[in-house]
Amino acid sequence: EEGAKVVCFQRGANWQRRGLVQDVSECTSDGHGLRKGFEGMLVTLSDIGDNSEVFTCWSAFLAPVNDREYSAICTTHGFLSSNYCALCPCSKGVGDVDHISKEDARVSLMKWLKELEDADGEPFEVTSEALNSVLKQFD
């Protein structure tokens, strides 16, 4: 949405760069950022900071800037220094988690996809085609 403040999580020069949405346009990727030939929303942003440089990022890699005390996206270091990690037995890092089978992980993924909610907390129905596509990628 134009005017929104966002953070870029696309790897490269714009990693964690904050910007103000100036324009959004549907484009087919030339292979930079998204796989070549894939369609997506290319967002033009003006830099939030000392300069007013303009940069672009695919919308899939943007997250809103907010004042929440948590983030749905974090680095391993951020996770290891989080309150969650302090309260859970993660003292050895995240490498000591119990291994689960691929079959159990697949079942868990299917259950998770069937329980998705939208931003308003309403159930989000994943089509069988989308479900099969995700499971095919998983397999």
Protein backbone atom coordinates (compact mmCIF):
# COMPACT_ATOMS: atom_id res chain seq x y z
CA GLU A 1 0.00 0.00 0.00
CA GLU A 2 1.42 3.38 -0.96
CA GLY A 3 2.75 5.34 2.01
CA ALA A 4 3.41 2.23 4.14
CA LYS A 5 6.71 1.97 6.03
CA VAL A 6 8.36 -1.38 5.37
CA VAL A 7 11.59 -3.31 5.92
CA CYS A 8 13.27 -5.23 3.09
CA PHE A 9 14.35 -8.82 3.82
CA GLN A 10 15.63 -9.57 0.32
CA ARG A 11 19.25 -10.70 0.44
CA GLY A 12 21.72 -8.31 -1.03
CA ALA A 13 22.41 -4.60 -0.85
CA ASN A 14 18.95 -3.73 0.49
CA TRP A 15 18.91 -6.28 3.33
CA GLN A 16 17.02 -4.76 6.32
CA ARG A 17 16.75 -1.42 4.54
CA ARG A 18 13.72 0.59 5.58
CA GLY A 19 11.62 2.37 3.02
CA LEU A 20 8.40 4.20 2.32
CA VAL A 21 6.25 2.62 -0.42
CA GLN A 22 5.98 4.94 -3.42
CA ASP A 23 4.58 2.62 -6.09
CA VAL A 24 3.53 -1.00 -6.57
CA SER A 25 3.39 -2.66 -9.98
CA GLU A 26 2.83 -6.21 -11.19
CA CYS A 27 5.89 -7.44 -13.10
CA THR A 28 7.46 -10.59 -14.50
CA SER A 29 10.87 -11.26 -13.00
CA ASP A 30 14.00 -11.22 -15.13
CA GLY A 31 15.69 -13.45 -12.56
CA HIS A 32 16.81 -10.78 -10.09
CA GLY A 33 15.12 -11.38 -6.73
CA LEU A 34 12.47 -13.77 -7.99
CA ARG A 35 12.95 -16.77 -10.24
CA LYS A 36 13.02 -15.74 -13.91
CA GLY A 37 9.56 -15.69 -15.46
CA PHE A 38 7.66 -15.56 -12.16
CA GLU A 39 5.14 -12.78 -11.67
CA GLY A 40 5.16 -10.65 -8.57
CA MET A 41 4.58 -7.20 -7.18
CA LEU A 42 7.62 -4.98 -7.60
CA VAL A 43 7.62 -2.19 -5.02
CA THR A 44 9.38 1.14 -5.46
CA LEU A 45 10.50 2.61 -2.14
CA SER A 46 12.14 5.79 -0.95
CA ASP A 47 14.80 5.26 1.68
CA ILE A 48 13.88 6.15 5.26
CA GLY A 49 16.89 7.88 6.69
CA ASP A 50 19.33 10.63 5.90
CA ASN A 51 19.18 10.18 2.15
CA SER A 52 16.13 9.94 -0.06
CA GLU A 53 17.43 7.33 -2.48
CA VAL A 54 14.89 5.22 -4.34
CA PHE A 55 15.18 1.42 -4.48
CA THR A 56 13.00 -1.52 -5.49
CA CYS A 57 12.13 -4.79 -3.82
CA TRP A 58 9.69 -7.62 -4.52
CA SER A 59 6.73 -7.43 -2.13
CA ALA A 60 7.33 -11.01 -0.96
CA PHE A 61 10.46 -9.76 0.82
CA LEU A 62 8.86 -6.81 2.62
CA ALA A 63 7.48 -6.67 6.15
CA PRO A 64 5.74 -3.73 7.82
CA VAL A 65 7.65 -1.52 10.23
CA ASN A 66 5.76 -1.61 13.51
CA ASP A 67 6.19 -1.04 17.23
CA ARG A 68 5.45 -4.60 18.30
CA GLU A 69 7.72 -6.19 20.83
CA TYR A 70 8.20 -9.27 18.67
CA SER A 71 8.99 -10.20 15.09
CA ALA A 72 7.77 -13.07 12.98
CA ILE A 73 11.10 -12.93 11.15
CA CYS A 74 14.38 -13.05 13.03
CA THR A 75 17.95 -14.22 12.65
CA THR A 76 19.33 -17.21 14.53
CA HIS A 77 21.27 -14.80 16.75
CA GLY A 78 18.08 -12.83 17.42
CA PHE A 79 16.25 -16.04 18.32
CA LEU A 80 19.02 -17.24 20.62
CA SER A 81 18.98 -13.92 22.50
CA SER A 82 15.16 -13.77 22.73
CA ASN A 83 13.06 -14.13 25.87
CA TYR A 84 11.53 -17.26 24.34
CA CYS A 85 14.91 -18.90 24.07
CA ALA A 86 15.76 -17.85 27.64
CA LEU A 87 12.61 -19.58 28.91
CA CYS A 88 13.03 -22.73 26.84
CA PRO A 89 15.90 -25.21 27.04
CA CYS A 90 17.90 -23.73 24.17
CA SER A 91 21.13 -23.27 26.08
CA LYS A 92 23.00 -25.46 23.59
CA GLY A 93 21.63 -23.49 20.66
CA VAL A 94 19.05 -24.74 18.22
CA GLY A 95 21.11 -27.72 17.09
CA ASP A 96 20.06 -29.91 20.02
CA VAL A 97 16.40 -30.22 19.04
CA ASP A 98 14.91 -33.67 18.72
CA HIS A 99 15.01 -35.04 15.19
CA ILE A 100 11.66 -35.90 13.63
CA SER A 101 11.05 -38.07 10.61
CA LYS A 102 10.26 -36.58 7.22
CA GLU A 103 6.84 -38.26 7.38
CA ASP A 104 6.03 -36.57 10.71
CA ALA A 105 7.26 -33.24 9.35
CA ARG A 106 5.03 -33.67 6.28
CA VAL A 107 1.99 -34.40 8.44
CA SER A 108 2.79 -31.36 10.59
CA LEU A 109 3.11 -29.18 7.48
CA MET A 110 -0.28 -30.38 6.20
CA LYS A 111 -1.92 -29.64 9.56
CA TRP A 112 -0.31 -26.19 9.69
CA LEU A 113 -1.47 -25.32 6.18
CA LYS A 114 -5.02 -26.34 7.06
CA GLU A 115 -5.03 -24.08 10.15
CA LEU A 116 -3.80 -20.86 8.52
CA GLU A 117 -5.49 -17.59 9.43
CA ASP A 118 -5.49 -14.27 7.63
CA ALA A 119 -4.46 -10.95 9.20
CA ASP A 120 -7.95 -10.60 10.73
CA GLY A 121 -7.77 -13.98 12.43
CA GLU A 122 -10.22 -15.54 9.98
CA PRO A 123 -9.59 -19.05 8.60
CA PHE A 124 -7.64 -19.02 5.34
CA GLU A 125 -8.53 -21.90 3.07
CA VAL A 126 -5.65 -23.32 1.08
CA THR A 127 -6.85 -24.81 -2.20
CA SER A 128 -6.07 -28.44 -2.86
CA GLU A 129 -3.94 -27.36 -5.83
CA ALA A 130 -1.86 -25.05 -3.61
CA LEU A 131 -1.61 -27.72 -0.89
CA ASN A 132 -0.43 -30.32 -3.42
CA SER A 133 2.08 -27.85 -4.86
CA VAL A 134 3.59 -27.11 -1.43
CA LEU A 135 3.72 -30.80 -0.54
CA LYS A 136 5.36 -31.59 -3.89
CA GLN A 137 8.05 -29.00 -3.12
CA PHE A 138 8.46 -30.50 0.37
CA ASP A 139 8.86 -34.02 -0.99
